[in-house]
Amino acid sequence: MLFGITKYGLLPGKYAPPDYRSDMPAFMGALSDEEIWAVLAYIKSFWPQELRQAQRDLTLHRQ
């Protein structure tokens, strides 16, 4: 989900309620997929271990 929001922006109906308004831009034209993953990895490196584990668990349940 974090990758999709970063690449495509915070799309109403997909990542937010249908009438949700956000200034979250899409980075699809500015960053490659590899660069997006690298940015997310960098941000996650500052998360506490418990939060990183919870996000991993959530990701595994969605696959």
Protein backbone atom coordinates (compact mmCIF):
# COMPACT_ATOMS: atom_id res chain seq x y z
CA MET A 1 0.00 0.00 0.00
CA LEU A 2 2.82 2.43 0.85
CA PHE A 3 4.40 1.78 -2.54
CA GLY A 4 1.09 2.37 -4.35
CA ILE A 5 0.39 5.59 -2.49
CA THR A 6 3.90 6.86 -3.21
CA LYS A 7 3.80 5.89 -6.88
CA TYR A 8 0.21 6.85 -7.76
CA GLY A 9 -0.68 9.39 -5.05
CA LEU A 10 -3.38 9.07 -2.42
CA LEU A 11 -6.18 7.97 -4.75
CA PRO A 12 -9.74 8.38 -3.46
CA GLY A 13 -11.61 5.09 -3.67
CA LYS A 14 -8.40 3.03 -3.68
CA TYR A 15 -6.30 4.19 -0.74
CA ALA A 16 -8.79 6.61 0.82
CA PRO A 17 -12.57 7.09 1.02
CA PRO A 18 -14.16 8.15 -2.31
CA ASP A 19 -14.64 11.80 -1.28
CA TYR A 20 -11.23 12.17 0.43
CA ARG A 21 -9.07 15.08 -0.76
CA SER A 22 -5.31 15.08 -0.38
CA ASP A 23 -2.28 16.97 -1.62
CA MET A 24 -0.23 13.73 -1.77
CA PRO A 25 1.38 13.84 -5.21
CA ALA A 26 2.14 10.85 -7.41
CA PHE A 27 5.85 10.21 -7.88
CA MET A 28 5.36 7.88 -10.87
CA GLY A 29 7.03 10.27 -13.31
CA ALA A 30 9.72 11.47 -10.92
CA LEU A 31 11.04 8.25 -9.33
CA SER A 32 11.62 4.75 -10.65
CA ASP A 33 10.10 1.80 -8.80
CA GLU A 34 13.54 1.00 -7.39
CA GLU A 35 13.93 4.56 -6.11
CA ILE A 36 10.48 4.44 -4.47
CA TRP A 37 11.37 1.18 -2.71
CA ALA A 38 14.67 2.73 -1.58
CA VAL A 39 12.91 5.82 -0.16
CA LEU A 40 10.39 3.63 1.69
CA ALA A 41 13.20 1.46 3.09
CA TYR A 42 14.99 4.59 4.31
CA ILE A 43 11.85 5.92 6.01
CA LYS A 44 11.10 2.54 7.57
CA SER A 45 14.65 2.38 8.96
CA PHE A 46 13.60 5.08 11.45
CA TRP A 47 10.51 3.17 12.61
CA PRO A 48 10.71 1.39 15.97
CA GLN A 49 11.22 -2.39 15.68
CA GLU A 50 7.66 -3.11 16.88
CA LEU A 51 6.17 -0.97 14.11
CA ARG A 52 8.37 -2.58 11.46
CA GLN A 53 7.27 -6.04 12.64
CA ALA A 54 3.59 -5.04 12.66
CA GLN A 55 3.93 -3.72 9.09
CA ARG A 56 5.68 -6.96 8.01
CA ASP A 57 2.89 -9.03 9.60
CA LEU A 58 0.22 -6.96 7.87
CA THR A 59 2.00 -7.33 4.53
CA LEU A 60 2.23 -11.12 4.90
CA HIS A 61 -1.49 -11.39 5.68
CA ARG A 62 -2.41 -9.46 2.52
CA GLN A 63 -0.36 -11.64 0.16
